[in-house]
């Protein structure tokens, strides 16, 4: 049995594969995935590479986010990916995205619960701050501190109230 492809069939097959790969990369680069993607990288190895990011010009700020949590005894603790004990994507979904996307606000309670269990604390407030790094001709400098949003609850088991856009 001879399973050789004609030259025309081989070109067609290779063309379909190349077009498919370029199409999936375009979907990843343009963020055209349907609905929320729970755990990136959803389309690996086709990713939204940083090379597709917009440039920053003089005077613009490059965001630097910081998540601060207030405990029931009044202490303020910085929440990071490292002290949460998880990967960046879970940290991002639980503590960064809920402040910009109201549809993601149900992701905060599981993240808070994970943090509370890991550090044996009770959180009553979570705040997202941004201190951008300003691009200047001579280098960079710290920009003004901006509070992007605050989520509060009255008690450990209470509902989160949002003061965010």
Protein backbone atom coordinates (compact mmCIF):
# COMPACT_ATOMS: atom_id res chain seq x y z
CA UNK A 1 0.00 0.00 0.00
CA UNK A 2 1.50 3.32 -1.10
CA UNK A 3 0.49 6.35 1.07
CA UNK A 4 2.21 9.19 -0.81
CA UNK A 5 0.52 12.52 -1.22
CA UNK A 6 0.56 14.34 -4.47
CA UNK A 7 2.48 17.61 -4.46
CA UNK A 8 -0.78 19.54 -4.72
CA UNK A 9 -2.33 17.73 -1.75
CA UNK A 10 0.80 18.24 0.33
CA UNK A 11 0.81 22.01 -0.36
CA UNK A 12 -2.87 22.22 0.53
CA UNK A 13 -2.34 20.36 3.80
CA UNK A 14 0.65 22.52 4.79
CA UNK A 15 -1.29 25.68 3.88
CA UNK A 16 -4.23 24.65 6.07
CA UNK A 17 -1.89 23.96 9.02
CA UNK A 18 -0.07 27.30 8.61
CA UNK A 19 -3.34 29.27 8.30
CA UNK A 20 -4.69 27.46 11.37
CA UNK A 21 -1.62 28.32 13.43
CA UNK A 22 -1.75 31.97 12.34
CA UNK A 23 -5.47 32.10 13.13
CA UNK A 24 -5.05 30.75 16.66
CA UNK A 25 -2.16 33.18 17.29
CA UNK A 26 -4.37 36.07 16.06
CA UNK A 27 -7.12 35.00 18.48
CA UNK A 28 -4.61 35.01 21.37
CA UNK A 29 -2.95 38.28 20.35
CA UNK A 30 -6.22 40.15 19.90
CA UNK A 31 -7.85 38.62 23.01
CA UNK A 32 -10.76 37.22 21.02
CA UNK A 33 -11.34 34.19 23.24
CA UNK A 34 -15.03 33.59 23.97
CA UNK A 35 -15.99 34.48 27.54
CA UNK A 36 -13.68 34.63 30.53
CA UNK A 37 -10.65 32.39 30.30
CA UNK A 38 -10.26 30.86 33.75
CA UNK A 39 -6.62 29.82 33.92
CA UNK A 40 -4.13 31.12 31.40
CA UNK A 41 -2.40 30.15 29.30
CA UNK A 42 -5.62 28.93 27.71
CA UNK A 43 -4.26 28.72 24.16
CA UNK A 44 -0.67 27.77 24.96
CA UNK A 45 1.70 27.96 23.07
CA UNK A 46 -0.27 30.73 21.37
CA UNK A 47 -0.04 33.60 23.83
CA UNK A 48 -0.67 37.31 24.04
CA UNK A 49 3.05 38.07 24.04
CA UNK A 50 4.37 41.34 25.53
CA UNK A 51 5.61 42.27 22.06
CA UNK A 52 1.97 43.14 21.32
CA UNK A 53 1.81 45.64 24.20
CA UNK A 54 1.44 49.33 23.50
CA UNK A 55 4.56 51.49 23.92
CA UNK A 56 4.88 54.04 26.72
CA UNK A 57 5.90 57.59 25.86
CA UNK A 58 7.46 60.39 27.90
CA UNK A 59 5.13 61.56 30.67
CA UNK A 60 3.05 58.39 30.65
CA UNK A 61 2.85 56.12 33.65
CA UNK A 62 3.62 52.41 33.69
CA UNK A 63 1.27 50.89 36.28
CA UNK A 64 2.71 49.31 39.44
CA UNK A 65 -0.07 47.74 41.46
CA UNK A 66 0.04 46.86 45.13
CA UNK A 67 -2.65 45.02 47.09
CA UNK A 68 -3.00 45.88 50.77
CA UNK A 69 -5.26 44.08 53.22
CA UNK A 70 -6.42 45.25 56.64
CA UNK A 71 -6.89 42.59 59.31
CA UNK A 72 -9.62 42.59 61.95
CA UNK A 73 -7.02 43.67 64.54
CA UNK A 74 -6.06 46.74 62.45
CA UNK A 75 -2.79 45.56 60.89
CA UNK A 76 -2.05 46.26 57.23
CA UNK A 77 -0.48 43.43 55.23
CA UNK A 78 0.66 43.50 51.61
CA UNK A 79 -0.85 40.67 49.58
CA UNK A 80 1.53 39.28 46.98
CA UNK A 81 1.65 36.21 44.81
CA UNK A 82 4.43 34.87 47.02
CA UNK A 83 2.70 35.28 50.40
CA UNK A 84 -0.55 33.98 48.88
CA UNK A 85 1.42 30.86 47.95
CA UNK A 86 0.06 30.53 44.44
CA UNK A 87 0.82 31.38 40.83
CA UNK A 88 0.44 34.80 39.24
CA UNK A 89 -2.82 33.97 37.44
CA UNK A 90 -4.74 33.02 40.58
CA UNK A 91 -3.37 36.13 42.34
CA UNK A 92 -4.37 38.30 39.37
CA UNK A 93 -7.88 36.85 39.14
CA UNK A 94 -8.52 37.10 42.89
CA UNK A 95 -6.90 40.41 43.81
CA UNK A 96 -6.37 42.55 40.68
CA UNK A 97 -9.16 41.95 38.17
CA UNK A 98 -12.12 42.32 40.60
CA UNK A 99 -11.29 46.02 41.03
CA UNK A 100 -11.59 46.72 37.28
CA UNK A 101 -14.21 44.17 36.24
CA UNK A 102 -17.40 43.89 38.33
CA UNK A 103 -18.03 40.50 36.72
CA UNK A 104 -14.91 39.14 38.43
CA UNK A 105 -15.84 40.26 41.97
CA UNK A 106 -16.87 36.75 43.01
CA UNK A 107 -13.17 35.79 42.66
CA UNK A 108 -12.13 37.87 45.70
CA UNK A 109 -13.67 35.73 48.51
CA UNK A 110 -11.81 32.50 47.57
CA UNK A 111 -8.54 34.44 47.33
CA UNK A 112 -9.16 36.09 50.70
CA UNK A 113 -10.02 32.72 52.25
CA UNK A 114 -6.77 31.24 50.90
CA UNK A 115 -4.78 34.17 52.32
CA UNK A 116 -6.57 34.00 55.70
CA UNK A 117 -5.96 30.26 56.02
CA UNK A 118 -2.29 30.60 55.08
CA UNK A 119 -1.59 33.47 57.52
CA UNK A 120 -4.17 32.76 60.25
CA UNK A 121 -5.72 36.23 60.02
CA UNK A 122 -9.16 37.66 59.33
CA UNK A 123 -9.32 40.33 56.60
CA UNK A 124 -11.92 43.09 56.68
CA UNK A 125 -10.60 45.27 53.84
CA UNK A 126 -8.68 44.79 50.61
CA UNK A 127 -7.34 47.81 48.73
CA UNK A 128 -5.72 48.05 45.29
CA UNK A 129 -3.22 50.89 44.88
CA UNK A 130 -1.29 52.04 41.86
CA UNK A 131 1.92 54.05 42.05
CA UNK A 132 2.86 54.38 38.39
CA UNK A 133 6.42 54.66 37.21
CA UNK A 134 6.53 57.84 35.11
CA UNK A 135 8.61 57.75 31.95
CA UNK A 136 10.89 60.79 31.66
CA UNK A 137 13.60 61.74 29.19
CA UNK A 138 16.21 61.42 31.98
CA UNK A 139 14.82 58.11 33.29
CA UNK A 140 11.87 57.20 35.46
CA UNK A 141 10.33 58.52 38.65
CA UNK A 142 7.50 57.56 40.99
CA UNK A 143 4.10 58.94 40.07
CA UNK A 144 1.29 59.92 42.42
CA UNK A 145 -0.34 57.23 44.55
CA UNK A 146 -3.81 56.31 43.33
CA UNK A 147 -6.28 54.04 45.14
CA UNK A 148 -7.99 52.01 42.41
CA UNK A 149 -10.61 50.51 44.67
CA UNK A 150 -11.50 49.19 48.11
CA UNK A 151 -13.51 46.13 49.13
CA UNK A 152 -14.76 45.97 52.75
CA UNK A 153 -16.76 43.64 54.93
CA UNK A 154 -18.10 44.17 58.44
CA UNK A 155 -17.26 40.71 59.77
CA UNK A 156 -15.25 37.67 58.71
CA UNK A 157 -18.32 36.03 57.15
CA UNK A 158 -19.91 39.23 55.82
CA UNK A 159 -20.59 40.24 52.23
CA UNK A 160 -17.96 42.35 50.46
CA UNK A 161 -18.97 45.94 49.73
CA UNK A 162 -17.12 47.56 46.83
CA UNK A 163 -15.89 51.10 46.42
CA UNK A 164 -14.43 50.66 42.94
CA UNK A 165 -15.35 51.73 39.42
